Amino acid sequence: MLCDGICGIPGGWQPITNLKDPHVVEIAEFAVTQHNKVAKENLKFESVIKGETQVVAGMNYKLVLAAKDGEAENNYEAVVWEKAWLGYRNLTSFKIVHS
């Protein structure tokens, strides 16, 4: 199994060591796109700031990401559940992070 910094212990949250990993960025972009569809917003993904993974029946990704709404940039926490072998992803949580 190739992990490249995004594997973990079943049930426990583990930090993602490579926040620029293309798969991690893809998960973050998915989260913003899904949030925009549901909330009827137009956020633009900027970057992943922090991330953790949790091995479940698949993988949970908890990401803090930066996104812009026009000129205003905010940080958001998104949780995405992925079953990669089924091509399944679900945005389970998306909320603004206040500093």
Protein backbone atom coordinates (compact mmCIF):
# COMPACT_ATOMS: atom_id res chain seq x y z
CA MET A 1 0.00 0.00 0.00
CA LEU A 2 1.38 3.40 -0.98
CA CYS A 3 0.48 6.06 1.58
CA ASP A 4 2.52 9.17 0.67
CA GLY A 5 1.68 10.88 3.96
CA ILE A 6 -2.09 10.35 3.96
CA CYS A 7 -2.59 6.95 5.63
CA GLY A 8 -3.45 6.47 9.26
CA ILE A 9 -4.49 4.29 12.16
CA PRO A 10 -8.07 2.97 11.91
CA GLY A 11 -10.35 5.29 13.91
CA GLY A 12 -7.74 7.90 14.84
CA TRP A 13 -7.12 11.22 13.10
CA GLN A 14 -3.63 11.48 11.60
CA PRO A 15 -2.04 14.65 10.20
CA ILE A 16 -1.53 14.93 6.46
CA THR A 17 2.15 15.65 5.90
CA ASN A 18 1.91 16.73 2.25
CA LEU A 19 -0.83 19.36 1.91
CA LYS A 20 0.08 19.89 -1.75
CA ASP A 21 -0.51 16.22 -2.63
CA PRO A 22 -2.70 16.28 -5.78
CA HIS A 23 -5.25 13.93 -4.19
CA VAL A 24 -5.58 16.13 -1.09
CA VAL A 25 -6.03 19.23 -3.28
CA GLU A 26 -8.63 17.34 -5.35
CA ILE A 27 -10.57 16.48 -2.17
CA ALA A 28 -10.48 20.15 -1.08
CA GLU A 29 -11.67 21.34 -4.50
CA PHE A 30 -14.47 18.76 -4.37
CA ALA A 31 -15.52 20.10 -0.95
CA VAL A 32 -15.75 23.69 -2.20
CA THR A 33 -17.64 22.65 -5.35
CA GLN A 34 -20.17 20.60 -3.36
CA HIS A 35 -20.61 23.39 -0.80
CA ASN A 36 -21.25 25.89 -3.61
CA LYS A 37 -23.95 23.63 -5.10
CA VAL A 38 -25.79 23.22 -1.81
CA ALA A 39 -25.33 26.74 -0.39
CA LYS A 40 -25.72 28.53 -3.76
CA GLU A 41 -22.43 30.34 -3.14
CA ASN A 42 -19.47 31.03 -5.41
CA LEU A 43 -16.41 30.29 -3.28
CA LYS A 44 -13.12 29.83 -5.13
CA PHE A 45 -10.66 27.34 -3.66
CA GLU A 46 -7.25 28.83 -2.81
CA SER A 47 -5.20 26.32 -0.77
CA VAL A 48 -5.16 23.62 1.89
CA ILE A 49 -3.88 25.00 5.21
CA LYS A 50 -4.13 21.93 7.43
CA GLY A 51 -5.42 18.41 7.06
CA GLU A 52 -6.05 15.13 8.83
CA THR A 53 -7.25 11.72 7.71
CA GLN A 54 -9.24 9.07 9.52
CA VAL A 55 -9.50 5.47 8.33
CA VAL A 56 -13.15 4.37 8.46
CA ALA A 57 -15.11 2.35 5.89
CA GLY A 58 -13.05 4.35 3.44
CA MET A 59 -11.26 7.54 4.44
CA ASN A 60 -12.41 10.74 6.12
CA TYR A 61 -10.50 13.89 5.21
CA LYS A 62 -10.78 16.84 7.61
CA LEU A 63 -9.28 19.83 5.85
CA VAL A 64 -8.87 23.47 6.77
CA LEU A 65 -8.82 25.33 3.49
CA ALA A 66 -8.70 28.90 2.25
CA ALA A 67 -11.36 30.04 -0.20
CA LYS A 68 -12.38 33.40 -1.63
CA ASP A 69 -15.82 34.87 -2.04
CA GLY A 70 -15.06 37.80 -4.32
CA GLU A 71 -12.27 39.69 -2.57
CA ALA A 72 -12.94 38.27 0.90
CA GLU A 73 -10.81 35.25 1.84
CA ASN A 74 -11.85 33.01 4.72
CA ASN A 75 -10.80 29.68 6.16
CA TYR A 76 -13.22 26.77 6.20
CA GLU A 77 -13.19 23.32 7.73
CA ALA A 78 -14.47 20.61 5.40
CA VAL A 79 -14.95 16.92 6.10
CA VAL A 80 -15.15 14.61 3.09
CA TRP A 81 -15.82 10.88 3.26
CA GLU A 82 -14.24 8.96 0.40
CA LYS A 83 -14.51 5.34 -0.72
CA ALA A 84 -11.89 5.53 -3.48
CA TRP A 85 -12.43 1.97 -4.70
CA LEU A 86 -16.09 2.85 -5.44
CA GLY A 87 -15.42 6.33 -6.82
CA TYR A 88 -17.58 7.69 -3.97
CA ARG A 89 -17.15 11.02 -2.18
CA ASN A 90 -19.51 12.83 0.17
CA LEU A 91 -19.13 16.24 1.79
CA THR A 92 -20.29 15.63 5.36
CA SER A 93 -19.42 19.02 6.89
CA PHE A 94 -18.39 22.49 5.69
CA LYS A 95 -18.14 25.47 8.03
CA ILE A 96 -16.29 28.73 8.35
CA VAL A 97 -13.37 28.76 10.79
CA HIS A 98 -13.22 31.91 12.90
CA SER A 99 -9.76 32.86 14.13
